[in-house]
Amino acid sequence: MARLDLPDKVAGRPRFIHDLRLPAQMFGRVVRPPSPGARLVALDTNALAGQPVTVVRDGSFLGLIGADEACVGRLVEELRAASSWDEVDTLPDENDLDSYLRRGPHETIEVLAEPGESTPTDRALSASYARPFTAHASIAPSCGVAWWKGDGELAVWTHSQGISPLRTAIATVLDLDPSKVVVEHAEGAGCYGHNGADDAAFDAVLLARSADGRPVQVMWSREDELTWSPFGSAMAADVAATVDTAGSITSWTFDVWSQGHTSRPGAGGSSHLLASQSLHSPVSIASAVDPPPARGGGTIRNAVPIYSLPSRRIVGHRKIDAQVRTSALRSLGAYLNVFAIESFMDELALMVGRDPLAFRLAHLTDRRAVSVLESVALDSGWGSPMSDGVGRGIGMARYKDWGAYCAVIAEVEAETEITLRRLTIAVDVGQVVNPDGVRNQIEGGATQAASWTMRERVRFDRRRVTSRDWETYPIFRFSEVPDISVAIIEREDEQSVGAGEAAQGPTAGAIANAVADAIGVRVRGLPITKEAVLAAIESES
């Protein structure tokens, strides 16, 4: 099936919300606070006197609008320089996120608590794994358009993933009749969850109140996007298991700590709109919550291993008093949980002297899981000799425990840097409707997961986010994208479950295991950078 959107995108024809131009449209920019929790205490607008812009202020919400986009973009920097803020330290210690996440209070999520006892001859192993906060890092920044019309109707254009909840949140914060608010979706850059689209739309709504009935477009800057969009939550997991003398797992314990994974408008009864907390009559923003287990959960998503294991105890711990704004980012908790599970399976295989592939197959009873694992092993040449400094690693899972099966084998080369050379993937999505769409989704998810696993980490001090551009928040460049092959296992007799976000966790686990295979040292904290590898080598020496 041909993609209807691609001809316009390839030809560069306007089709995104950033290209939207309405009659008499104005342009707006917002001066974000210098740090979370900052309060605007003084403003000198003399430098803007006589300029063709209007300054808009409501409490600590500050911005300007004008008819010329370039002029507005230039003068917003003068407005920023003319503002004075009272700042406080609100962020945790970036170098001790483990303690931050484990410090309560928590919502405890009991997933499984199965009875069972180990025997005196069983061998035990335990390990801890972690991921940092990560950004959505959309290639184009968030954008919104709003128009207060003469009949009292508010029209909003947004690339939000939830236009109905956004409509309700806008009406609630501004005490409007929801029937007078019309929110329409417009195409924007992919965000893989909940980025700043809702917030940019609300910025436009606030600025358009001062536009005398003319529509206003607000576009965020790259710095806004990387520092003010909700992040994917940092996470930590403790895994422990016992194995018998035959090398079979006899017990499994998994504890995972996280912030909540959704703060979309309306989640947990909060509007969650960024600018609402800066208004003269501020609206507080609650901490992120998790989707219910019936929808896959958040902290506990994919915390249950795909393997047939006895005596399992699995518990999630969602931090309630979060200091960092988080929300849905592709695969939510599944990324860390599968990374931890698959890393630990390799560590167990090493302890009992088994091949990682054979060890997994020995603990699988799901025939479809066995098929994707055997398929990817055959396609990758698993077991064939490798050069010095080159390693292979496996990762696999069934997304949300009921979605697509995905198995990944990564090949890395470790010299002065870690280079990802190849990703071989097998996927089972049930009945396949559009094979090209499945491959696109899996390739894209694997590429993004590789970037998270090897590059990405939100950086901050105790007051401000410091990863503000592509230099301080690096993502994969085109030259770093590996060769990717995707084999689709056809299941015409099974229900279609969608490709979804099945590749995220397995890709992370496969890369981590490949790095360990290449250098003989395990990195348990993401991202797997050269510095992380050197630190792991030093800790084992």
Foldseek 3Di string as FASTA:
>chain_A
DDDPPPVCVVVVNDFFPVPDDDPLEKAKEWQDPQFPPKWWDDFDCPVCPPPQKDWDDFGRTTMIMGRDHVSRVVCRVVRNVRIDIDFDQQADAQVPVVVVLPDADWDKFWDDFADDDDDPQWDKDKDKFKEFWFALQFVFFAKKKWFCAPVRAIEIEWQFPDQVLLLVLLCVLVVHDSVRYHYHYGDDTDRQWFWCGSQNRVSQVSNNVPVVGHMYMYTYDLLCRQFPIAIQKMKMKMKMWIAHLVLHTAAIEMEMTIAEAAQDQCAVHARSHVCQQRGNPHGDGFTHHWDDLVVQTALCRCLDAQFAYHRYTYMYIHHGPDSGGHYHHALHNLQLNQLVVLLVLVVSCVVSVHDSLVSRVVRHDPVVLNVFSVVQCVVVVPPDDDDAQKFKFKTWGAGSNPAKTKIWIWIWGDDLWIATAEIEMEMEQAADDDVVVLVVLQLVLLQQLLFSQAFAHFDDRSTGTDQRHCVSGPGDDPVRRHHYDYHYDHHPPGDGRDNGNRNNNGSNNGSQRRNCRNPVFGQRYDRPTSVSVVVRVVVVD
